[in-house]
C-alpha atoms as a PDB file:
ATOM      1  CA  UNK A   1     -26.098 -20.568  -6.030  1.00  0.00           C
ATOM      2  CA  UNK A   2     -23.217 -19.176  -4.522  1.00  0.00           C
ATOM      3  CA  UNK A   3     -20.362 -20.762  -5.757  1.00  0.00           C
ATOM      4  CA  UNK A   4     -17.850 -18.036  -3.430  1.00  0.00           C
ATOM      5  CA  UNK A   5     -16.626 -16.794  -7.226  1.00  0.00           C
ATOM      6  CA  UNK A   6     -16.357 -14.365  -9.617  1.00  0.00           C
ATOM      7  CA  UNK A   7     -16.746 -15.954 -12.673  1.00  0.00           C
ATOM      8  CA  UNK A   8     -15.485 -14.024 -16.020  1.00  0.00           C
ATOM      9  CA  UNK A   9     -16.881 -15.386 -19.192  1.00  0.00           C
ATOM     10  CA  UNK A  10     -15.093 -14.320 -22.575  1.00  0.00           C
ATOM     11  CA  UNK A  11     -16.018 -13.532 -25.796  1.00  0.00           C
ATOM     12  CA  UNK A  12     -13.787 -16.419 -26.675  1.00  0.00           C
ATOM     13  CA  UNK A  13     -14.889 -18.761 -24.637  1.00  0.00           C
ATOM     14  CA  UNK A  14     -12.819 -18.674 -22.156  1.00  0.00           C
ATOM     15  CA  UNK A  15     -13.844 -18.774 -17.989  1.00  0.00           C
ATOM     16  CA  UNK A  16     -11.742 -17.162 -15.175  1.00  0.00           C
ATOM     17  CA  UNK A  17     -12.746 -17.373 -11.218  1.00  0.00           C
ATOM     18  CA  UNK A  18     -11.844 -15.485  -8.770  1.00  0.00           C
ATOM     19  CA  UNK A  19     -11.869 -16.939  -5.327  1.00  0.00           C
ATOM     20  CA  UNK A  20     -13.303 -13.848  -3.081  1.00  0.00           C
ATOM     21  CA  UNK A  21     -12.723 -15.891   0.069  1.00  0.00           C
ATOM     22  CA  UNK A  22      -8.923 -16.348  -0.847  1.00  0.00           C
ATOM     23  CA  UNK A  23      -8.885 -12.480  -1.787  1.00  0.00           C
ATOM     24  CA  UNK A  24      -9.831 -11.474   0.868  1.00  0.00           C
ATOM     25  CA  UNK A  25      -8.296 -13.091   3.568  1.00  0.00           C
ATOM     26  CA  UNK A  26      -5.271 -11.463   1.897  1.00  0.00           C
ATOM     27  CA  UNK A  27      -6.877  -8.019   0.728  1.00  0.00           C
ATOM     28  CA  UNK A  28      -8.421  -6.586   4.130  1.00  0.00           C
ATOM     29  CA  UNK A  29      -7.361  -6.011   7.460  1.00  0.00           C
ATOM     30  CA  UNK A  30     -10.795  -5.204   9.071  1.00  0.00           C
ATOM     31  CA  UNK A  31     -14.497  -5.540   8.891  1.00  0.00           C
ATOM     32  CA  UNK A  32     -15.012  -2.398   6.154  1.00  0.00           C
ATOM     33  CA  UNK A  33     -12.802  -3.217   3.557  1.00  0.00           C
ATOM     34  CA  UNK A  34     -14.601  -6.918   4.091  1.00  0.00           C
ATOM     35  CA  UNK A  35     -18.298  -4.809   3.822  1.00  0.00           C
ATOM     36  CA  UNK A  36     -16.675  -3.249   0.312  1.00  0.00           C
ATOM     37  CA  UNK A  37     -15.659  -6.652  -1.078  1.00  0.00           C
ATOM     38  CA  UNK A  38     -18.837  -8.237   0.023  1.00  0.00           C
ATOM     39  CA  UNK A  39     -20.841  -5.198  -1.695  1.00  0.00           C
ATOM     40  CA  UNK A  40     -18.779  -5.244  -4.596  1.00  0.00           C
ATOM     41  CA  UNK A  41     -18.603  -9.462  -5.169  1.00  0.00           C
ATOM     42  CA  UNK A  42     -22.291  -9.418  -5.271  1.00  0.00           C
ATOM     43  CA  UNK A  43     -23.925  -6.093  -6.687  1.00  0.00           C
ATOM     44  CA  UNK A  44     -20.811  -5.129  -9.130  1.00  0.00           C
ATOM     45  CA  UNK A  45     -18.869  -8.370  -9.768  1.00  0.00           C
ATOM     46  CA  UNK A  46     -17.406  -6.773 -12.722  1.00  0.00           C
ATOM     47  CA  UNK A  47     -16.023  -4.199 -11.293  1.00  0.00           C
ATOM     48  CA  UNK A  48     -14.707  -6.644  -9.109  1.00  0.00           C
ATOM     49  CA  UNK A  49     -13.196  -8.369 -10.989  1.00  0.00           C
ATOM     50  CA  UNK A  50     -11.080  -5.490 -12.354  1.00  0.00           C
ATOM     51  CA  UNK A  51      -9.846  -3.998  -9.879  1.00  0.00           C
ATOM     52  CA  UNK A  52      -8.016  -7.345  -9.403  1.00  0.00           C
ATOM     53  CA  UNK A  53      -7.316  -8.209 -12.589  1.00  0.00           C
ATOM     54  CA  UNK A  54      -5.773  -4.502 -12.995  1.00  0.00           C
ATOM     55  CA  UNK A  55      -4.596  -4.536  -9.496  1.00  0.00           C
ATOM     56  CA  UNK A  56      -6.073  -2.218  -7.907  1.00  0.00           C
ATOM     57  CA  UNK A  57      -8.196  -3.333  -5.165  1.00  0.00           C
ATOM     58  CA  UNK A  58      -5.561  -3.062  -2.680  1.00  0.00           C
ATOM     59  CA  UNK A  59      -5.710   0.937  -3.489  1.00  0.00           C
ATOM     60  CA  UNK A  60      -9.013   0.639  -3.960  1.00  0.00           C
ATOM     61  CA  UNK A  61     -10.398  -0.513  -0.685  1.00  0.00           C
ATOM     62  CA  UNK A  62      -7.192   1.872   0.965  1.00  0.00           C
ATOM     63  CA  UNK A  63      -9.678   5.258  -0.306  1.00  0.00           C
ATOM     64  CA  UNK A  64     -12.980   4.176  -0.034  1.00  0.00           C
ATOM     65  CA  UNK A  65     -12.638   2.453   3.524  1.00  0.00           C
ATOM     66  CA  UNK A  66     -12.209   5.211   5.929  1.00  0.00           C
ATOM     67  CA  UNK A  67     -10.849   3.221   9.837  1.00  0.00           C
ATOM     68  CA  UNK A  68     -10.074   5.066  12.686  1.00  0.00           C
ATOM     69  CA  UNK A  69      -9.501   2.863  16.224  1.00  0.00           C
ATOM     70  CA  UNK A  70     -11.372   3.313  18.815  1.00  0.00           C
ATOM     71  CA  UNK A  71      -8.832   4.603  22.025  1.00  0.00           C
END
């Protein structure tokens, strides 16, 4: 079931829920960044959570998405 969250359960039993829609609303600036976030959520949720918890998500998106508007 898709909960629209990445759930992290730590060894001590604590759980963190990351609301993916709230993250996308805050950081993605174009469809390419949104696609990259969706890819990470479904294919590397631990990497996605790591980027968010360490504050590197915006820098990551800037480096992996190349967006040039058509003139």
